[in-house]
Amino acid sequence: MIKLTPLVICVILLFTNFNSAIAQQNETANWAGTIQNEFRVIPDITYRQANGIELKIDIYQPRNQNNPSPTFIYYHGGGWVAGSKEANVLRLIPYLEKGWAVVNVQYRLGNVSLAPAAVEDSLCALRWVGRNADEYGFDRDRIVTSGNSAGGHLALTTGMIPTEAELDRQCMGSETPEVAAIVNWYGITDVGDLLDGPNQKGYAVRWLGAQSNRNAIAERVSPLEYVRAGLPPIISIHGDADPTVPYDHAVRLHQGLNRFEVVNELITVPNGLHGGFPAEEMERIYDAIFSFLRANVK
């Protein structure tokens, strides 16, 4: 099972019960110095410019790493129209504790640029990681993408969309590294399903806007459209009572991957909503994630 160090315990508590987290303040103070001594942070590196703004990433790394590190690229949630990389730092800690380097990505939100801008940015971040692997000690052969909600969608599209889709045409460089695995936390897999009908969601409508070809764009950025043989291993976590992203999105992805014999796993949280899972479920989930990565990331 996952080692429940103080850092991991704090992450689980903060995502499940804020009052319990406050009770951990003394313990938190004890390991705050540990973070500074064991990890280094390189904030706000510009990885691309678009719409007149500089898009940033933050790098978190264990200190004193002599060999290239497996690298975890994280995309935050918020329905493509809200959220920030800074608000999701605690989600990165379990991977740092395992010796991974972490790249935390900012991308264009819907108020800056409508779909498919966030997908383009996410692919450019992946290419930036590959292009700068030697400088920052990233292992190009062990890159894992992850995110929650809309970030889960971006983790999936980053690892699943082929170059032929031409969504990376604006990225610097010419080579996009292969993703070794994807950790999908309740991500959207069928964007068009959220634009109209019983599953319509305001965040998806806002992200596509009034573009005349919005249905075609939705199809172009839907992970279900790219299910095929040869994809990286994918583990998905989803609550079966999620009111924000239908649980059916995870089920259909799982079924499609199975048809093509792609290594994948679906972790269902009984009665789970949109995140905020109980502590015992979070322990089970992280145990499953790291078992999956040990088995599938060489």
Protein backbone atom coordinates (compact mmCIF):
# COMPACT_ATOMS: atom_id res chain seq x y z
CA MET A 1 0.00 0.00 0.00
CA ILE A 2 1.02 3.63 -0.39
CA LYS A 3 3.28 4.81 2.41
CA LEU A 4 1.24 7.18 4.59
CA THR A 5 3.94 9.73 5.40
CA PRO A 6 2.92 13.03 7.02
CA LEU A 7 2.89 14.70 3.61
CA VAL A 8 0.52 12.15 2.11
CA ILE A 9 -1.71 12.14 5.18
CA CYS A 10 -2.01 15.92 4.97
CA VAL A 11 -2.95 15.73 1.29
CA ILE A 12 -5.68 13.19 1.98
CA LEU A 13 -7.06 15.22 4.88
CA LEU A 14 -7.03 18.48 2.97
CA PHE A 15 -9.01 16.94 0.13
CA THR A 16 -11.57 15.29 2.40
CA ASN A 17 -12.08 17.15 5.67
CA PHE A 18 -10.80 20.66 6.19
CA ASN A 19 -11.46 20.68 9.94
CA SER A 20 -9.38 17.55 10.37
CA ALA A 21 -6.66 19.19 8.33
CA ILE A 22 -6.56 22.15 10.70
CA ALA A 23 -6.00 19.71 13.56
CA GLN A 24 -2.82 18.63 11.80
CA GLN A 25 -1.20 22.08 11.98
CA ASN A 26 1.49 21.06 14.46
CA GLU A 27 2.50 18.12 12.31
CA THR A 28 2.36 20.34 9.24
CA ALA A 29 4.78 22.78 10.85
CA ASN A 30 7.19 19.93 11.51
CA TRP A 31 7.39 18.85 7.89
CA ALA A 32 7.29 22.33 6.34
CA GLY A 33 11.05 22.52 6.72
CA THR A 34 11.38 19.07 5.23
CA ILE A 35 9.77 20.30 2.01
CA GLN A 36 12.36 23.07 1.65
CA ASN A 37 15.25 20.72 2.34
CA GLU A 38 14.14 17.81 0.14
CA PHE A 39 12.45 19.52 -2.80
CA ARG A 40 13.20 22.46 -5.05
CA VAL A 41 10.69 24.65 -6.87
CA ILE A 42 11.30 26.50 -10.12
CA PRO A 43 8.20 28.67 -10.60
CA ASP A 44 6.65 30.45 -13.55
CA ILE A 45 8.76 29.29 -16.47
CA THR A 46 7.27 30.48 -19.76
CA TYR A 47 6.63 27.54 -22.07
CA ARG A 48 4.72 29.41 -24.78
CA GLN A 49 3.07 32.73 -25.66
CA ALA A 50 -0.46 32.93 -27.02
CA ASN A 51 -3.13 35.62 -27.19
CA GLY A 52 -0.58 38.13 -25.95
CA ILE A 53 0.07 36.32 -22.65
CA GLU A 54 2.90 34.18 -21.38
CA LEU A 55 1.79 30.72 -20.28
CA LYS A 56 3.71 29.36 -17.31
CA ILE A 57 4.69 26.09 -15.72
CA ASP A 58 6.07 25.36 -12.27
CA ILE A 59 8.62 22.60 -11.76
CA TYR A 60 8.85 20.68 -8.47
CA GLN A 61 11.73 18.25 -8.01
CA PRO A 62 13.36 16.18 -5.30
CA ARG A 63 16.80 17.57 -4.55
CA ASN A 64 20.02 15.65 -5.20
CA GLN A 65 18.67 13.57 -8.08
CA ASN A 66 21.58 12.23 -10.13
CA ASN A 67 19.58 10.45 -12.82
CA PRO A 68 16.67 11.56 -15.00
CA SER A 69 13.45 11.44 -13.01
CA PRO A 70 10.10 10.02 -14.02
CA THR A 71 8.03 13.11 -14.73
CA PHE A 72 4.44 13.87 -13.82
CA ILE A 73 2.67 16.58 -15.86
CA TYR A 74 -0.41 17.97 -14.12
CA TYR A 75 -3.33 19.97 -15.58
CA HIS A 76 -5.74 21.63 -13.16
CA GLY A 77 -9.52 21.40 -13.28
CA GLY A 78 -12.18 24.08 -13.49
CA GLY A 79 -14.23 23.27 -16.57
CA TRP A 80 -11.64 24.89 -18.87
CA VAL A 81 -13.00 28.26 -17.68
CA ALA A 82 -11.70 28.53 -14.09
CA GLY A 83 -9.00 27.27 -11.73
CA SER A 84 -5.25 27.73 -11.53
CA LYS A 85 -2.10 25.68 -11.25
CA GLU A 86 -1.29 27.27 -7.88
CA ALA A 87 -4.51 26.00 -6.29
CA ASN A 88 -3.57 22.38 -7.02
CA VAL A 89 -0.08 22.10 -5.57
CA LEU A 90 -1.10 19.67 -2.83
CA ARG A 91 -2.20 17.14 -5.46
CA LEU A 92 1.45 16.87 -6.52
CA ILE A 93 2.93 15.83 -3.19
CA PRO A 94 2.39 12.04 -3.43
CA TYR A 95 4.43 11.96 -6.65
CA LEU A 96 7.22 14.09 -5.23
CA GLU A 97 7.44 11.68 -2.32
CA LYS A 98 7.95 8.84 -4.82
CA GLY A 99 10.91 10.66 -6.36
CA TRP A 100 9.10 12.05 -9.39
CA ALA A 101 9.64 15.44 -10.96
CA VAL A 102 6.39 17.36 -11.37
CA VAL A 103 5.42 19.93 -14.00
CA ASN A 104 2.35 21.96 -13.04
CA VAL A 105 0.76 23.60 -16.09
CA GLN A 106 -1.11 26.83 -16.71
CA TYR A 107 -3.25 26.90 -19.86
CA ARG A 108 -5.59 29.38 -21.52
CA LEU A 109 -9.02 29.50 -19.93
CA GLY A 110 -12.21 30.17 -21.82
CA ASN A 111 -12.24 33.89 -21.04
CA VAL A 112 -8.91 34.20 -22.87
CA SER A 113 -9.48 31.78 -25.73
CA LEU A 114 -12.24 29.29 -26.50
CA ALA A 115 -11.76 25.63 -27.36
CA PRO A 116 -9.54 24.07 -28.53
CA ALA A 117 -6.95 26.47 -27.04
CA ALA A 118 -6.52 24.59 -23.75
CA VAL A 119 -5.83 21.36 -25.65
CA GLU A 120 -3.25 23.09 -27.84
CA ASP A 121 -1.52 24.53 -24.76
CA SER A 122 -1.44 21.16 -23.03
CA LEU A 123 0.24 19.55 -26.01
CA CYS A 124 2.74 22.41 -26.15
CA ALA A 125 3.57 21.86 -22.48
CA LEU A 126 4.31 18.21 -23.23
CA ARG A 127 6.57 19.19 -26.11
CA TRP A 128 8.33 21.74 -23.85
CA VAL A 129 9.05 18.97 -21.34
CA GLY A 130 10.56 16.80 -24.06
CA ARG A 131 12.60 19.66 -25.49
CA ASN A 132 14.00 20.64 -22.08
CA ALA A 133 14.40 17.19 -20.57
CA ASP A 134 18.18 17.29 -20.42
CA GLU A 135 18.31 20.67 -18.70
CA TYR A 136 15.80 19.78 -15.98
CA GLY A 137 16.48 16.08 -15.56
CA PHE A 138 13.21 14.76 -16.96
CA ASP A 139 13.11 11.18 -18.17
CA ARG A 140 11.56 11.35 -21.65
CA ASP A 141 10.65 7.67 -21.48
CA ARG A 142 8.71 8.03 -18.22
CA ILE A 143 6.32 10.94 -18.68
CA VAL A 144 2.88 10.60 -17.09
CA THR A 145 0.06 13.08 -17.64
CA SER A 146 -2.68 13.66 -15.08
CA GLY A 147 -5.39 16.08 -14.05
CA ASN A 148 -8.77 16.36 -12.42
CA SER A 149 -12.06 17.10 -14.21
CA ALA A 150 -11.24 19.36 -17.18
CA GLY A 151 -7.61 18.67 -16.29
CA GLY A 152 -8.33 14.95 -16.57
CA HIS A 153 -9.68 15.63 -20.04
CA LEU A 154 -6.48 17.51 -20.93
CA ALA A 155 -4.32 14.71 -19.54
CA LEU A 156 -6.21 12.29 -21.77
CA THR A 157 -6.06 14.42 -24.90
CA THR A 158 -2.37 15.13 -24.35
CA GLY A 159 -1.59 11.43 -24.22
CA MET A 160 -4.09 10.26 -26.83
CA ILE A 161 -4.24 12.84 -29.64
CA PRO A 162 -1.94 11.90 -32.53
CA THR A 163 0.19 14.38 -34.45
CA GLU A 164 -2.08 13.85 -37.45
CA ALA A 165 -4.82 15.77 -35.61
CA GLU A 166 -2.62 18.87 -36.04
CA LEU A 167 -3.53 20.34 -32.67
CA ASP A 168 0.16 20.84 -31.87
CA ARG A 169 1.00 22.88 -34.98
CA GLN A 170 1.63 26.06 -32.96
CA CYS A 171 4.01 24.40 -30.51
CA MET A 172 7.71 25.13 -30.66
CA GLY A 173 9.97 22.29 -31.75
CA SER A 174 9.16 19.36 -33.96
CA GLU A 175 9.00 16.30 -31.69
CA THR A 176 6.32 15.48 -29.15
CA PRO A 177 7.46 12.83 -26.66
CA GLU A 178 5.29 9.79 -26.08
CA VAL A 179 3.31 9.66 -22.86
CA ALA A 180 4.06 6.55 -20.80
CA ALA A 181 0.77 6.51 -18.85
CA ILE A 182 -2.25 8.67 -17.98
CA VAL A 183 -3.88 9.18 -14.57
CA ASN A 184 -7.37 10.51 -15.23
CA TRP A 185 -9.33 11.91 -12.28
CA TYR A 186 -13.00 12.12 -13.37
CA GLY A 187 -12.14 13.73 -16.70
CA ILE A 188 -14.53 14.58 -19.53
CA THR A 189 -14.27 12.10 -22.39
CA ASP A 190 -17.17 13.23 -24.62
CA VAL A 191 -17.27 17.02 -24.86
CA GLY A 192 -20.25 17.09 -27.24
CA ASP A 193 -22.35 15.20 -24.67
CA LEU A 194 -22.10 18.26 -22.40
CA LEU A 195 -23.20 20.88 -24.95
CA ASP A 196 -26.86 19.93 -25.33
CA GLY A 197 -29.43 17.54 -23.93
CA PRO A 198 -29.78 16.06 -20.45
CA ASN A 199 -26.05 16.22 -19.69
CA GLN A 200 -25.58 19.85 -20.75
CA LYS A 201 -23.11 21.66 -18.50
CA GLY A 202 -22.62 25.41 -18.39
CA TYR A 203 -18.84 25.16 -18.22
CA ALA A 204 -18.71 23.20 -21.49
CA VAL A 205 -21.10 25.62 -23.21
CA ARG A 206 -18.90 28.52 -22.11
CA TRP A 207 -15.71 26.83 -23.32
CA LEU A 208 -17.08 26.19 -26.81
CA GLY A 209 -18.97 29.49 -26.92
CA ALA A 210 -20.94 30.53 -30.00
CA GLN A 211 -18.46 29.17 -32.51
CA SER A 212 -20.39 28.03 -35.56
CA ASN A 213 -18.36 24.79 -35.72
CA ARG A 214 -18.55 24.08 -31.99
CA ASN A 215 -19.88 20.55 -32.47
CA ALA A 216 -17.00 19.70 -34.79
CA ILE A 217 -14.51 21.19 -32.31
CA ALA A 218 -16.12 19.22 -29.46
CA GLU A 219 -15.64 16.03 -31.43
CA ARG A 220 -12.06 16.96 -32.28
CA VAL A 221 -11.13 17.39 -28.61
CA SER A 222 -13.03 14.40 -27.19
CA PRO A 223 -10.83 11.54 -25.95
CA LEU A 224 -13.42 8.98 -27.04
CA GLU A 225 -12.70 9.96 -30.64
CA TYR A 226 -9.08 8.82 -30.27
CA VAL A 227 -9.54 5.42 -28.67
CA ARG A 228 -7.42 2.96 -30.65
CA ALA A 229 -4.76 0.31 -30.22
CA GLY A 230 -1.32 1.37 -29.05
CA LEU A 231 -2.38 4.04 -26.56
CA PRO A 232 -0.49 4.47 -23.28
CA PRO A 233 -1.90 2.71 -20.21
CA ILE A 234 -4.74 4.70 -18.62
CA ILE A 235 -6.11 4.58 -15.08
CA SER A 236 -9.32 6.50 -14.38
CA ILE A 237 -10.88 7.45 -11.04
CA HIS A 238 -14.53 8.47 -11.00
CA GLY A 239 -17.40 8.65 -8.54
CA ASP A 240 -20.53 6.88 -9.72
CA ALA A 241 -22.71 9.75 -8.44
CA ASP A 242 -20.69 12.58 -9.99
CA PRO A 243 -23.07 15.49 -10.77
CA THR A 244 -20.49 17.50 -12.74
CA VAL A 245 -18.93 14.98 -15.13
CA PRO A 246 -21.16 11.98 -15.82
CA TYR A 247 -19.74 8.68 -14.56
CA ASP A 248 -20.75 7.26 -17.94
CA HIS A 249 -17.81 9.16 -19.47
CA ALA A 250 -15.37 6.97 -17.54
CA VAL A 251 -17.33 3.80 -18.25
CA ARG A 252 -17.44 4.41 -22.02
CA LEU A 253 -13.72 5.18 -22.08
CA HIS A 254 -12.99 1.99 -20.13
CA GLN A 255 -15.13 -0.09 -22.47
CA GLY A 256 -13.58 1.44 -25.58
CA LEU A 257 -10.05 0.85 -24.33
CA ASN A 258 -10.92 -2.74 -23.51
CA ARG A 259 -12.15 -3.29 -27.07
CA PHE A 260 -8.73 -2.31 -28.38
CA GLU A 261 -6.91 -4.21 -25.62
CA VAL A 262 -5.33 -1.06 -24.22
CA VAL A 263 -4.07 -1.56 -20.67
CA ASN A 264 -6.43 0.38 -18.45
CA GLU A 265 -8.20 0.37 -15.11
CA LEU A 266 -11.32 2.11 -13.82
CA ILE A 267 -11.44 2.86 -10.09
CA THR A 268 -15.08 3.50 -9.17
CA VAL A 269 -15.86 5.39 -5.96
CA PRO A 270 -19.27 4.17 -4.73
CA ASN A 271 -21.60 7.14 -4.18
CA GLY A 272 -18.65 9.37 -5.02
CA LEU A 273 -19.32 12.91 -6.18
CA HIS A 274 -16.97 15.22 -8.09
CA GLY A 275 -13.88 14.63 -5.98
CA GLY A 276 -13.86 15.21 -2.24
CA PHE A 277 -13.69 11.45 -1.67
CA PRO A 278 -13.44 10.02 1.87
CA ALA A 279 -9.97 9.46 3.29
CA GLU A 280 -10.21 5.68 3.10
CA GLU A 281 -11.14 5.94 -0.57
CA MET A 282 -8.22 8.27 -1.25
CA GLU A 283 -5.87 5.76 0.36
CA ARG A 284 -7.31 3.00 -1.83
CA ILE A 285 -7.06 5.18 -4.94
CA TYR A 286 -3.43 6.19 -4.43
CA ASP A 287 -2.50 2.60 -3.69
CA ALA A 288 -4.09 1.59 -7.01
CA ILE A 289 -2.46 4.46 -8.92
CA PHE A 290 1.07 3.65 -7.80
CA SER A 291 0.55 -0.07 -8.33
CA PHE A 292 -0.63 0.73 -11.86
CA LEU A 293 2.36 2.99 -12.53
CA ARG A 294 4.85 0.48 -11.13
CA ALA A 295 3.42 -2.16 -13.43
CA ASN A 296 3.22 -0.04 -16.57
CA VAL A 297 5.88 2.70 -16.48
CA LYS A 298 9.19 0.99 -17.11
